[in-house]
Amino acid sequence: MLNRIKQSFNEGVKRVKWFAAFISERTKAETSMARLLYESSKLESKLDGLYRDVGKRVLELKDKEDKPVFKDFLVLQSLSEIRNIRQEIEDCRDRARELGKPPDIKPEE
């Protein structure tokens, strides 16, 4: 009888340890996901600023009519930066999706 109680207690301890490990991993993953999504949001606001700057520059060049828009240094530089930021945003979202998958923690038998 005492052995059975001890065995049941040990099994309960194993399950509690497994549950604690599971919760710990999920908490880490959720925190990392939130951080990545926040970073993605900051990059999107930076991207909006670049769109605004390109639009202003295009209007300035239209008024001057002395230079093609796509040969302007500032426009080309901004377009390059837009491409880089879009890639960073996509990378952040991919990493967040990867973290969103449940961990493969199995309870010990």
C-alpha atoms as a PDB file:
ATOM      1  CA  MET A   1       0.000   0.000   0.000  1.00  0.00           C
ATOM      2  CA  LEU A   2       2.821   2.385   0.895  1.00  0.00           C
ATOM      3  CA  ASN A   3       4.626   1.536  -2.364  1.00  0.00           C
ATOM      4  CA  ARG A   4       1.474   2.280  -4.351  1.00  0.00           C
ATOM      5  CA  ILE A   5       1.082   5.676  -2.650  1.00  0.00           C
ATOM      6  CA  LYS A   6       4.760   6.440  -3.293  1.00  0.00           C
ATOM      7  CA  GLN A   7       4.430   5.401  -6.958  1.00  0.00           C
ATOM      8  CA  SER A   8       1.281   7.517  -7.428  1.00  0.00           C
ATOM      9  CA  PHE A   9       2.996  10.464  -5.761  1.00  0.00           C
ATOM     10  CA  ASN A  10       6.044  10.119  -8.059  1.00  0.00           C
ATOM     11  CA  GLU A  11       3.795   9.949 -11.135  1.00  0.00           C
ATOM     12  CA  GLY A  12       2.002  13.079  -9.946  1.00  0.00           C
ATOM     13  CA  VAL A  13       5.324  14.876  -9.473  1.00  0.00           C
ATOM     14  CA  LYS A  14       6.384  13.890 -13.022  1.00  0.00           C
ATOM     15  CA  ARG A  15       3.149  15.285 -14.440  1.00  0.00           C
ATOM     16  CA  VAL A  16       3.497  18.518 -12.501  1.00  0.00           C
ATOM     17  CA  LYS A  17       7.091  18.874 -13.779  1.00  0.00           C
ATOM     18  CA  TRP A  18       5.935  18.234 -17.336  1.00  0.00           C
ATOM     19  CA  PHE A  19       3.128  20.781 -16.998  1.00  0.00           C
ATOM     20  CA  ALA A  20       5.524  23.366 -15.540  1.00  0.00           C
ATOM     21  CA  ALA A  21       7.979  22.793 -18.412  1.00  0.00           C
ATOM     22  CA  PHE A  22       5.160  23.082 -20.942  1.00  0.00           C
ATOM     23  CA  ILE A  23       3.866  26.336 -19.442  1.00  0.00           C
ATOM     24  CA  SER A  24       7.407  27.708 -19.261  1.00  0.00           C
ATOM     25  CA  GLU A  25       8.058  26.980 -22.945  1.00  0.00           C
ATOM     26  CA  ARG A  26       4.727  28.468 -24.018  1.00  0.00           C
ATOM     27  CA  THR A  27       5.355  31.597 -21.961  1.00  0.00           C
ATOM     28  CA  LYS A  28       8.781  32.044 -23.568  1.00  0.00           C
ATOM     29  CA  ALA A  29       7.304  31.509 -27.027  1.00  0.00           C
ATOM     30  CA  GLU A  30       4.420  33.928 -26.445  1.00  0.00           C
ATOM     31  CA  THR A  31       6.772  36.591 -25.092  1.00  0.00           C
ATOM     32  CA  SER A  32       9.073  36.201 -28.084  1.00  0.00           C
ATOM     33  CA  MET A  33       6.106  36.342 -30.464  1.00  0.00           C
ATOM     34  CA  ALA A  34       4.853  39.541 -28.865  1.00  0.00           C
ATOM     35  CA  ARG A  35       8.322  41.070 -29.118  1.00  0.00           C
ATOM     36  CA  LEU A  36       8.612  40.122 -32.808  1.00  0.00           C
ATOM     37  CA  LEU A  37       5.161  41.447 -33.634  1.00  0.00           C
ATOM     38  CA  TYR A  38       5.952  44.706 -31.830  1.00  0.00           C
ATOM     39  CA  GLU A  39       9.179  44.996 -33.834  1.00  0.00           C
ATOM     40  CA  SER A  40       7.201  44.319 -37.012  1.00  0.00           C
ATOM     41  CA  SER A  41       4.763  47.077 -36.059  1.00  0.00           C
ATOM     42  CA  LYS A  42       7.613  49.555 -35.521  1.00  0.00           C
ATOM     43  CA  LEU A  43       9.062  48.635 -38.918  1.00  0.00           C
ATOM     44  CA  GLU A  44       5.666  49.167 -40.551  1.00  0.00           C
ATOM     45  CA  SER A  45       5.433  52.672 -39.102  1.00  0.00           C
ATOM     46  CA  LYS A  46       8.936  53.380 -40.423  1.00  0.00           C
ATOM     47  CA  LEU A  47       7.769  52.053 -43.797  1.00  0.00           C
ATOM     48  CA  ASP A  48       4.802  54.439 -43.736  1.00  0.00           C
ATOM     49  CA  GLY A  49       7.213  57.315 -43.152  1.00  0.00           C
ATOM     50  CA  LEU A  50       9.283  56.260 -46.149  1.00  0.00           C
ATOM     51  CA  TYR A  51       6.164  56.063 -48.323  1.00  0.00           C
ATOM     52  CA  ARG A  52       5.280  59.585 -47.232  1.00  0.00           C
ATOM     53  CA  ASP A  53       8.815  60.840 -48.002  1.00  0.00           C
ATOM     54  CA  VAL A  54       8.807  59.241 -51.459  1.00  0.00           C
ATOM     55  CA  GLY A  55       5.417  60.769 -52.209  1.00  0.00           C
ATOM     56  CA  LYS A  56       6.607  64.241 -51.192  1.00  0.00           C
ATOM     57  CA  ARG A  57       9.760  63.887 -53.273  1.00  0.00           C
ATOM     58  CA  VAL A  58       7.772  62.746 -56.316  1.00  0.00           C
ATOM     59  CA  LEU A  59       5.536  65.813 -56.017  1.00  0.00           C
ATOM     60  CA  GLU A  60       8.596  68.066 -55.679  1.00  0.00           C
ATOM     61  CA  LEU A  61      10.118  66.560 -58.821  1.00  0.00           C
ATOM     62  CA  LYS A  62       6.805  66.851 -60.679  1.00  0.00           C
ATOM     63  CA  ASP A  63       6.694  70.564 -59.913  1.00  0.00           C
ATOM     64  CA  LYS A  64      10.282  71.058 -61.076  1.00  0.00           C
ATOM     65  CA  GLU A  65       9.956  68.794 -64.150  1.00  0.00           C
ATOM     66  CA  ASP A  66      13.721  68.700 -64.538  1.00  0.00           C
ATOM     67  CA  LYS A  67      14.477  65.139 -63.526  1.00  0.00           C
ATOM     68  CA  PRO A  68      12.859  61.715 -64.038  1.00  0.00           C
ATOM     69  CA  VAL A  69      11.430  60.385 -60.777  1.00  0.00           C
ATOM     70  CA  PHE A  70      13.153  56.998 -60.850  1.00  0.00           C
ATOM     71  CA  LYS A  71      16.575  58.522 -61.455  1.00  0.00           C
ATOM     72  CA  ASP A  72      16.426  60.725 -58.386  1.00  0.00           C
ATOM     73  CA  PHE A  73      18.924  59.656 -55.726  1.00  0.00           C
ATOM     74  CA  LEU A  74      16.550  60.163 -52.780  1.00  0.00           C
ATOM     75  CA  VAL A  75      13.768  58.156 -54.425  1.00  0.00           C
ATOM     76  CA  LEU A  76      16.129  55.308 -55.321  1.00  0.00           C
ATOM     77  CA  GLN A  77      17.585  55.257 -51.832  1.00  0.00           C
ATOM     78  CA  SER A  78      14.119  55.227 -50.262  1.00  0.00           C
ATOM     79  CA  LEU A  79      12.933  52.437 -52.564  1.00  0.00           C
ATOM     80  CA  SER A  80      15.953  50.359 -51.613  1.00  0.00           C
ATOM     81  CA  GLU A  81      15.273  50.948 -47.928  1.00  0.00           C
ATOM     82  CA  ILE A  82      11.596  50.063 -48.449  1.00  0.00           C
ATOM     83  CA  ARG A  83      12.624  46.716 -49.956  1.00  0.00           C
ATOM     84  CA  ASN A  84      14.913  46.011 -46.999  1.00  0.00           C
ATOM     85  CA  ILE A  85      12.276  46.935 -44.419  1.00  0.00           C
ATOM     86  CA  ARG A  86       9.637  44.803 -46.148  1.00  0.00           C
ATOM     87  CA  GLN A  87      12.035  41.851 -45.975  1.00  0.00           C
ATOM     88  CA  GLU A  88      12.692  42.510 -42.271  1.00  0.00           C
ATOM     89  CA  ILE A  89       8.943  42.648 -41.590  1.00  0.00           C
ATOM     90  CA  GLU A  90       8.411  39.360 -43.401  1.00  0.00           C
ATOM     91  CA  ASP A  91      11.289  37.771 -41.460  1.00  0.00           C
ATOM     92  CA  CYS A  92       9.776  38.934 -38.154  1.00  0.00           C
ATOM     93  CA  ARG A  93       6.395  37.519 -39.090  1.00  0.00           C
ATOM     94  CA  ASP A  94       7.923  34.204 -40.197  1.00  0.00           C
ATOM     95  CA  ARG A  95       9.812  33.875 -36.918  1.00  0.00           C
ATOM     96  CA  ALA A  96       6.626  34.718 -34.985  1.00  0.00           C
ATOM     97  CA  ARG A  97       4.702  32.057 -36.939  1.00  0.00           C
ATOM     98  CA  GLU A  98       7.442  29.543 -36.200  1.00  0.00           C
ATOM     99  CA  LEU A  99       7.288  30.369 -32.492  1.00  0.00           C
ATOM    100  CA  GLY A 100       3.512  30.025 -32.545  1.00  0.00           C
ATOM    101  CA  LYS A 101       3.747  26.300 -33.173  1.00  0.00           C
ATOM    102  CA  PRO A 102       3.256  24.297 -29.983  1.00  0.00           C
ATOM    103  CA  PRO A 103       6.396  22.779 -28.479  1.00  0.00           C
ATOM    104  CA  ASP A 104       6.958  19.075 -28.835  1.00  0.00           C
ATOM    105  CA  ILE A 105       7.149  18.229 -25.138  1.00  0.00           C
ATOM    106  CA  LYS A 106       5.840  14.804 -24.248  1.00  0.00           C
ATOM    107  CA  PRO A 107       5.079  13.741 -20.679  1.00  0.00           C
ATOM    108  CA  GLU A 108       7.446  11.188 -19.278  1.00  0.00           C
ATOM    109  CA  GLU A 109       5.993   7.724 -18.909  1.00  0.00           C
END
